[in-house]
Amino acid sequence: MTTRAESAAATRRALLDAAAELLDLGGPEAVTLREVGARAGVTRGAPYRHFTGKDSLLTSVAAESWERMGDQVHALRTDPALSASEKLSGALRTLIDVGREQPHLYQVLFRRRANLPGQLGDGMDRLRRQLCGPEGDPAVAERAAERFQGEFLDIVTDLVGKRNARRYGALLLTSAHGIAGMEISGHLDTGTWHTTADELVDTLVRMVTDAGEMT
């Protein structure tokens, strides 16, 4: 017999899956609680019992995506069969592949931070937590993103050492973000630049690997 908690978890899972599908198909504008509920095949009021609104729902989708990316980078980092440069290349491509394959999700992952814990004042922050709960809490997405960044930083550390890791880590992530953005927007034209996103990743990895060998 299915318990109430199991039923609620299954409904939430269906809502998140439906939201992710709608996001991929039509971008954030296509994601509404009504459309998500209809696609998930749940009652009309079900989405509103799990999420306070569209932003709460998209925040949860983003949190799950950051968790998946963190898992992927962790698997790369702990794979003994890969070299340090192969791990770095794989980690960068994990990020760029999301932009390439799910551009609308990518935009949600990197949307401007707003209404995060501590930015609204203690009283409003408590109210936000009461309303959103863990499902739509921006802090959950923040922690998931920080985990991804931490796993990535550990890979960079293995190449360039702890003293230089954050500087090179920030350079690599901002470069990967720029590569993804150029590719998504269509401005990474091989006719103009005579290169591809994958070739640029290879160049970044070589540069950082060489820098690590010099330290």
C-alpha atoms as a PDB file:
ATOM      1  CA  MET A   1       0.000   0.000   0.000  1.00  0.00           C
ATOM      2  CA  THR A   2       1.358   3.405  -0.974  1.00  0.00           C
ATOM      3  CA  THR A   3       1.842   5.756   1.956  1.00  0.00           C
ATOM      4  CA  ARG A   4       0.957   9.429   1.855  1.00  0.00           C
ATOM      5  CA  ALA A   5       4.644  10.356   1.884  1.00  0.00           C
ATOM      6  CA  GLU A   6       5.373   8.013  -1.032  1.00  0.00           C
ATOM      7  CA  SER A   7       2.451   9.434  -2.983  1.00  0.00           C
ATOM      8  CA  ALA A   8       3.618  12.994  -2.336  1.00  0.00           C
ATOM      9  CA  ALA A   9       7.162  12.103  -3.416  1.00  0.00           C
ATOM     10  CA  ALA A  10       5.873  10.506  -6.622  1.00  0.00           C
ATOM     11  CA  THR A  11       3.774  13.582  -7.391  1.00  0.00           C
ATOM     12  CA  ARG A  12       6.707  15.901  -6.803  1.00  0.00           C
ATOM     13  CA  ARG A  13       8.887  13.728  -9.037  1.00  0.00           C
ATOM     14  CA  ALA A  14       6.296  13.850 -11.820  1.00  0.00           C
ATOM     15  CA  LEU A  15       6.019  17.636 -11.489  1.00  0.00           C
ATOM     16  CA  LEU A  16       9.776  18.148 -11.676  1.00  0.00           C
ATOM     17  CA  ASP A  17      10.084  15.855 -14.689  1.00  0.00           C
ATOM     18  CA  ALA A  18       7.253  17.671 -16.446  1.00  0.00           C
ATOM     19  CA  ALA A  19       8.791  21.074 -15.647  1.00  0.00           C
ATOM     20  CA  ALA A  20      12.171  19.980 -17.023  1.00  0.00           C
ATOM     21  CA  GLU A  21      10.515  18.742 -20.227  1.00  0.00           C
ATOM     22  CA  LEU A  22       8.567  21.976 -20.716  1.00  0.00           C
ATOM     23  CA  LEU A  23      11.708  24.004 -20.032  1.00  0.00           C
ATOM     24  CA  ASP A  24      13.609  22.098 -22.705  1.00  0.00           C
ATOM     25  CA  LEU A  25      10.761  22.491 -25.194  1.00  0.00           C
ATOM     26  CA  GLY A  26       9.888  26.145 -24.759  1.00  0.00           C
ATOM     27  CA  GLY A  27      12.107  27.843 -22.207  1.00  0.00           C
ATOM     28  CA  PRO A  28      11.080  29.376 -18.872  1.00  0.00           C
ATOM     29  CA  GLU A  29       8.050  31.044 -20.460  1.00  0.00           C
ATOM     30  CA  ALA A  30       6.572  27.613 -21.184  1.00  0.00           C
ATOM     31  CA  VAL A  31       6.783  26.553 -17.537  1.00  0.00           C
ATOM     32  CA  THR A  32       3.642  27.372 -15.586  1.00  0.00           C
ATOM     33  CA  LEU A  33       2.210  25.439 -12.678  1.00  0.00           C
ATOM     34  CA  ARG A  34      -0.961  24.775 -14.665  1.00  0.00           C
ATOM     35  CA  GLU A  35       0.917  23.388 -17.691  1.00  0.00           C
ATOM     36  CA  VAL A  36       3.278  21.392 -15.497  1.00  0.00           C
ATOM     37  CA  GLY A  37       0.374  19.838 -13.620  1.00  0.00           C
ATOM     38  CA  ALA A  38      -1.422  18.953 -16.849  1.00  0.00           C
ATOM     39  CA  ARG A  39       1.698  17.369 -18.339  1.00  0.00           C
ATOM     40  CA  ALA A  40       2.358  15.425 -15.126  1.00  0.00           C
ATOM     41  CA  GLY A  41      -1.228  14.162 -15.082  1.00  0.00           C
ATOM     42  CA  VAL A  42      -1.948  15.298 -11.518  1.00  0.00           C
ATOM     43  CA  THR A  43      -4.884  17.179 -10.042  1.00  0.00           C
ATOM     44  CA  ARG A  44      -5.108  20.892 -10.754  1.00  0.00           C
ATOM     45  CA  GLY A  45      -4.236  21.843  -7.185  1.00  0.00           C
ATOM     46  CA  ALA A  46      -1.314  19.431  -6.769  1.00  0.00           C
ATOM     47  CA  PRO A  47       1.430  21.737  -8.113  1.00  0.00           C
ATOM     48  CA  TYR A  48       0.419  24.460  -5.674  1.00  0.00           C
ATOM     49  CA  ARG A  49       0.799  22.090  -2.730  1.00  0.00           C
ATOM     50  CA  HIS A  50       4.415  21.396  -3.669  1.00  0.00           C
ATOM     51  CA  PHE A  51       5.628  24.729  -5.029  1.00  0.00           C
ATOM     52  CA  THR A  52       4.753  28.310  -4.223  1.00  0.00           C
ATOM     53  CA  GLY A  53       5.125  29.429  -7.815  1.00  0.00           C
ATOM     54  CA  LYS A  54       7.045  29.171 -11.040  1.00  0.00           C
ATOM     55  CA  ASP A  55      10.286  30.453  -9.537  1.00  0.00           C
ATOM     56  CA  SER A  56      10.121  27.892  -6.750  1.00  0.00           C
ATOM     57  CA  LEU A  57       9.646  25.138  -9.326  1.00  0.00           C
ATOM     58  CA  LEU A  58      12.489  26.299 -11.576  1.00  0.00           C
ATOM     59  CA  THR A  59      14.758  26.607  -8.554  1.00  0.00           C
ATOM     60  CA  SER A  60      14.150  22.943  -7.785  1.00  0.00           C
ATOM     61  CA  VAL A  61      14.846  21.972 -11.396  1.00  0.00           C
ATOM     62  CA  ALA A  62      18.113  23.921 -11.225  1.00  0.00           C
ATOM     63  CA  ALA A  63      19.081  22.297  -7.916  1.00  0.00           C
ATOM     64  CA  GLU A  64      18.624  18.818  -9.360  1.00  0.00           C
ATOM     65  CA  SER A  65      20.662  19.724 -12.425  1.00  0.00           C
ATOM     66  CA  TRP A  66      23.537  21.061 -10.310  1.00  0.00           C
ATOM     67  CA  GLU A  67      23.411  17.841  -8.273  1.00  0.00           C
ATOM     68  CA  ARG A  68      23.666  15.720 -11.416  1.00  0.00           C
ATOM     69  CA  MET A  69      26.575  17.780 -12.669  1.00  0.00           C
ATOM     70  CA  GLY A  70      28.252  17.487  -9.288  1.00  0.00           C
ATOM     71  CA  ASP A  71      27.837  13.714  -9.429  1.00  0.00           C
ATOM     72  CA  GLN A  72      29.357  13.614 -12.914  1.00  0.00           C
ATOM     73  CA  VAL A  73      32.385  15.691 -11.922  1.00  0.00           C
ATOM     74  CA  HIS A  74      32.835  13.631  -8.746  1.00  0.00           C
ATOM     75  CA  ALA A  75      32.862  10.465 -10.861  1.00  0.00           C
ATOM     76  CA  LEU A  76      35.505  12.007 -13.113  1.00  0.00           C
ATOM     77  CA  ARG A  77      37.599  13.193 -10.173  1.00  0.00           C
ATOM     78  CA  THR A  78      37.655   9.771  -8.514  1.00  0.00           C
ATOM     79  CA  ASP A  79      38.231   7.719 -11.683  1.00  0.00           C
ATOM     80  CA  PRO A  80      41.747   6.223 -11.331  1.00  0.00           C
ATOM     81  CA  ALA A  81      41.892   5.425 -15.041  1.00  0.00           C
ATOM     82  CA  LEU A  82      41.853   9.112 -16.042  1.00  0.00           C
ATOM     83  CA  SER A  83      44.777  11.511 -16.036  1.00  0.00           C
ATOM     84  CA  ALA A  84      44.458  14.896 -14.335  1.00  0.00           C
ATOM     85  CA  SER A  85      44.107  16.659 -17.685  1.00  0.00           C
ATOM     86  CA  GLU A  86      41.447  14.172 -18.839  1.00  0.00           C
ATOM     87  CA  LYS A  87      39.487  14.828 -15.659  1.00  0.00           C
ATOM     88  CA  LEU A  88      39.659  18.572 -16.253  1.00  0.00           C
ATOM     89  CA  SER A  89      38.598  18.208 -19.870  1.00  0.00           C
ATOM     90  CA  GLY A  90      35.643  16.045 -18.850  1.00  0.00           C
ATOM     91  CA  ALA A  91      34.585  18.480 -16.139  1.00  0.00           C
ATOM     92  CA  LEU A  92      34.604  21.433 -18.527  1.00  0.00           C
ATOM     93  CA  ARG A  93      32.620  19.475 -21.089  1.00  0.00           C
ATOM     94  CA  THR A  94      30.073  18.533 -18.418  1.00  0.00           C
ATOM     95  CA  LEU A  95      29.209  22.219 -18.152  1.00  0.00           C
ATOM     96  CA  ILE A  96      29.392  23.002 -21.855  1.00  0.00           C
ATOM     97  CA  ASP A  97      27.286  19.949 -22.766  1.00  0.00           C
ATOM     98  CA  VAL A  98      24.386  21.278 -20.703  1.00  0.00           C
ATOM     99  CA  GLY A  99      24.523  24.527 -22.663  1.00  0.00           C
ATOM    100  CA  ARG A 100      24.758  22.603 -25.909  1.00  0.00           C
ATOM    101  CA  GLU A 101      22.008  20.065 -25.225  1.00  0.00           C
ATOM    102  CA  GLN A 102      19.716  22.011 -22.869  1.00  0.00           C
ATOM    103  CA  PRO A 103      20.201  25.732 -23.549  1.00  0.00           C
ATOM    104  CA  HIS A 104      17.075  26.816 -21.672  1.00  0.00           C
ATOM    105  CA  LEU A 105      18.138  24.885 -18.576  1.00  0.00           C
ATOM    106  CA  TYR A 106      21.607  26.390 -18.887  1.00  0.00           C
ATOM    107  CA  GLN A 107      20.124  29.889 -18.788  1.00  0.00           C
ATOM    108  CA  VAL A 108      18.174  28.999 -15.648  1.00  0.00           C
ATOM    109  CA  LEU A 109      21.326  27.659 -13.979  1.00  0.00           C
ATOM    110  CA  PHE A 110      23.114  30.954 -14.565  1.00  0.00           C
ATOM    111  CA  ARG A 111      20.290  33.412 -14.092  1.00  0.00           C
ATOM    112  CA  ARG A 112      20.999  36.378 -11.891  1.00  0.00           C
ATOM    113  CA  ARG A 113      20.913  35.580  -8.201  1.00  0.00           C
ATOM    114  CA  ALA A 114      18.036  37.183  -6.377  1.00  0.00           C
ATOM    115  CA  ASN A 115      16.173  36.780  -3.091  1.00  0.00           C
ATOM    116  CA  LEU A 116      18.806  34.482  -1.642  1.00  0.00           C
ATOM    117  CA  PRO A 117      19.039  33.761   2.073  1.00  0.00           C
ATOM    118  CA  GLY A 118      20.208  36.749   4.028  1.00  0.00           C
ATOM    119  CA  GLN A 119      19.323  39.269   1.316  1.00  0.00           C
ATOM    120  CA  LEU A 120      15.785  39.958   2.470  1.00  0.00           C
ATOM    121  CA  GLY A 121      16.398  40.508   6.164  1.00  0.00           C
ATOM    122  CA  ASP A 122      15.844  37.985   8.932  1.00  0.00           C
ATOM    123  CA  GLY A 123      12.063  38.308   9.071  1.00  0.00           C
ATOM    124  CA  MET A 124      11.495  38.093   5.324  1.00  0.00           C
ATOM    125  CA  ASP A 125      14.063  35.333   5.019  1.00  0.00           C
ATOM    126  CA  ARG A 126      12.196  33.219   7.591  1.00  0.00           C
ATOM    127  CA  LEU A 127       8.957  33.859   5.719  1.00  0.00           C
ATOM    128  CA  ARG A 128      10.570  32.788   2.439  1.00  0.00           C
ATOM    129  CA  ARG A 129      11.739  29.537   4.014  1.00  0.00           C
ATOM    130  CA  GLN A 130       8.267  28.874   5.434  1.00  0.00           C
ATOM    131  CA  LEU A 131       6.650  29.491   2.058  1.00  0.00           C
ATOM    132  CA  CYS A 132       9.143  27.778  -0.210  1.00  0.00           C
ATOM    133  CA  GLY A 133      10.423  25.024   2.027  1.00  0.00           C
ATOM    134  CA  PRO A 134      13.261  22.814   0.864  1.00  0.00           C
ATOM    135  CA  GLU A 135      11.654  22.093  -2.507  1.00  0.00           C
ATOM    136  CA  GLY A 136      11.952  25.655  -3.785  1.00  0.00           C
ATOM    137  CA  ASP A 137      14.548  27.111  -1.463  1.00  0.00           C
ATOM    138  CA  PRO A 138      17.238  29.003  -3.397  1.00  0.00           C
ATOM    139  CA  ALA A 139      19.743  27.908  -0.754  1.00  0.00           C
ATOM    140  CA  VAL A 140      19.311  24.291  -1.918  1.00  0.00           C
ATOM    141  CA  ALA A 141      20.298  25.243  -5.462  1.00  0.00           C
ATOM    142  CA  GLU A 142      23.173  27.308  -4.104  1.00  0.00           C
ATOM    143  CA  ARG A 143      24.525  24.382  -2.116  1.00  0.00           C
ATOM    144  CA  ALA A 144      24.234  22.099  -5.140  1.00  0.00           C
ATOM    145  CA  ALA A 145      26.100  24.615  -7.309  1.00  0.00           C
ATOM    146  CA  GLU A 146      28.765  24.985  -4.621  1.00  0.00           C
ATOM    147  CA  ARG A 147      29.209  21.210  -4.540  1.00  0.00           C
ATOM    148  CA  PHE A 148      29.800  21.187  -8.298  1.00  0.00           C
ATOM    149  CA  GLN A 149      32.295  24.013  -7.919  1.00  0.00           C
ATOM    150  CA  GLY A 150      34.046  22.212  -5.070  1.00  0.00           C
ATOM    151  CA  GLU A 151      34.449  19.019  -7.087  1.00  0.00           C
ATOM    152  CA  PHE A 152      35.720  21.058 -10.022  1.00  0.00           C
ATOM    153  CA  LEU A 153      38.161  22.953  -7.810  1.00  0.00           C
ATOM    154  CA  ASP A 154      39.593  19.679  -6.509  1.00  0.00           C
ATOM    155  CA  ILE A 155      40.353  18.622 -10.088  1.00  0.00           C
ATOM    156  CA  VAL A 156      42.066  21.937 -10.799  1.00  0.00           C
ATOM    157  CA  THR A 157      44.046  21.643  -7.561  1.00  0.00           C
ATOM    158  CA  ASP A 158      45.513  18.339  -8.707  1.00  0.00           C
ATOM    159  CA  LEU A 159      46.871  20.119 -11.783  1.00  0.00           C
ATOM    160  CA  VAL A 160      48.118  23.469 -10.501  1.00  0.00           C
ATOM    161  CA  GLY A 161      48.379  23.046  -6.730  1.00  0.00           C
ATOM    162  CA  LYS A 162      46.343  24.539  -3.931  1.00  0.00           C
ATOM    163  CA  ARG A 163      47.926  28.003  -4.058  1.00  0.00           C
ATOM    164  CA  ASN A 164      46.862  28.639  -7.674  1.00  0.00           C
ATOM    165  CA  ALA A 165      43.717  26.514  -7.814  1.00  0.00           C
ATOM    166  CA  ARG A 166      41.091  29.192  -7.239  1.00  0.00           C
ATOM    167  CA  ARG A 167      42.587  31.628  -9.736  1.00  0.00           C
ATOM    168  CA  TYR A 168      42.851  29.017 -12.463  1.00  0.00           C
ATOM    169  CA  GLY A 169      39.516  27.478 -11.459  1.00  0.00           C
ATOM    170  CA  ALA A 170      37.733  30.803 -11.889  1.00  0.00           C
ATOM    171  CA  LEU A 171      39.509  31.378 -15.200  1.00  0.00           C
ATOM    172  CA  LEU A 172      38.475  27.954 -16.471  1.00  0.00           C
ATOM    173  CA  LEU A 173      34.838  28.220 -15.405  1.00  0.00           C
ATOM    174  CA  THR A 174      34.383  31.716 -16.805  1.00  0.00           C
ATOM    175  CA  SER A 175      36.068  30.596 -20.036  1.00  0.00           C
ATOM    176  CA  ALA A 176      33.819  27.524 -20.277  1.00  0.00           C
ATOM    177  CA  HIS A 177      30.796  29.719 -19.595  1.00  0.00           C
ATOM    178  CA  GLY A 178      31.873  32.062 -22.366  1.00  0.00           C
ATOM    179  CA  ILE A 179      32.418  29.180 -24.775  1.00  0.00           C
ATOM    180  CA  ALA A 180      28.973  27.786 -23.975  1.00  0.00           C
ATOM    181  CA  GLY A 181      27.369  31.198 -24.369  1.00  0.00           C
ATOM    182  CA  MET A 182      29.052  31.815 -27.709  1.00  0.00           C
ATOM    183  CA  GLU A 183      27.969  28.415 -28.970  1.00  0.00           C
ATOM    184  CA  ILE A 184      24.373  28.814 -27.737  1.00  0.00           C
ATOM    185  CA  SER A 185      24.058  32.245 -29.343  1.00  0.00           C
ATOM    186  CA  GLY A 186      25.561  31.100 -32.631  1.00  0.00           C
ATOM    187  CA  HIS A 187      28.470  33.526 -32.393  1.00  0.00           C
ATOM    188  CA  LEU A 188      31.108  30.788 -32.269  1.00  0.00           C
ATOM    189  CA  ASP A 189      31.140  30.625 -36.041  1.00  0.00           C
ATOM    190  CA  THR A 190      33.842  28.291 -37.326  1.00  0.00           C
ATOM    191  CA  GLY A 191      33.973  30.317 -40.536  1.00  0.00           C
ATOM    192  CA  THR A 192      35.012  33.361 -38.516  1.00  0.00           C
ATOM    193  CA  TRP A 193      37.075  31.844 -35.719  1.00  0.00           C
ATOM    194  CA  HIS A 194      38.288  28.642 -37.401  1.00  0.00           C
ATOM    195  CA  THR A 195      37.796  26.657 -34.204  1.00  0.00           C
ATOM    196  CA  THR A 196      35.134  24.782 -32.264  1.00  0.00           C
ATOM    197  CA  ALA A 197      34.033  24.625 -28.649  1.00  0.00           C
ATOM    198  CA  ASP A 198      35.777  21.286 -28.206  1.00  0.00           C
ATOM    199  CA  GLU A 199      39.030  22.632 -29.617  1.00  0.00           C
ATOM    200  CA  LEU A 200      38.837  25.602 -27.277  1.00  0.00           C
ATOM    201  CA  VAL A 201      38.387  23.253 -24.313  1.00  0.00           C
ATOM    202  CA  ASP A 202      41.451  21.302 -25.418  1.00  0.00           C
ATOM    203  CA  THR A 203      43.417  24.569 -25.616  1.00  0.00           C
ATOM    204  CA  LEU A 204      42.339  25.591 -22.122  1.00  0.00           C
ATOM    205  CA  VAL A 205      43.323  22.225 -20.685  1.00  0.00           C
ATOM    206  CA  ARG A 206      46.754  22.346 -22.350  1.00  0.00           C
ATOM    207  CA  MET A 207      47.377  25.875 -21.071  1.00  0.00           C
ATOM    208  CA  VAL A 208      46.497  24.985 -17.499  1.00  0.00           C
ATOM    209  CA  THR A 209      48.368  21.678 -17.630  1.00  0.00           C
ATOM    210  CA  ASP A 210      51.474  23.497 -18.847  1.00  0.00           C
ATOM    211  CA  ALA A 211      51.062  26.101 -16.103  1.00  0.00           C
ATOM    212  CA  GLY A 212      50.792  23.333 -13.525  1.00  0.00           C
ATOM    213  CA  GLU A 213      53.979  21.730 -14.722  1.00  0.00           C
ATOM    214  CA  MET A 214      55.818  25.044 -14.331  1.00  0.00           C
ATOM    215  CA  THR A 215      54.751  25.551 -10.690  1.00  0.00           C
END
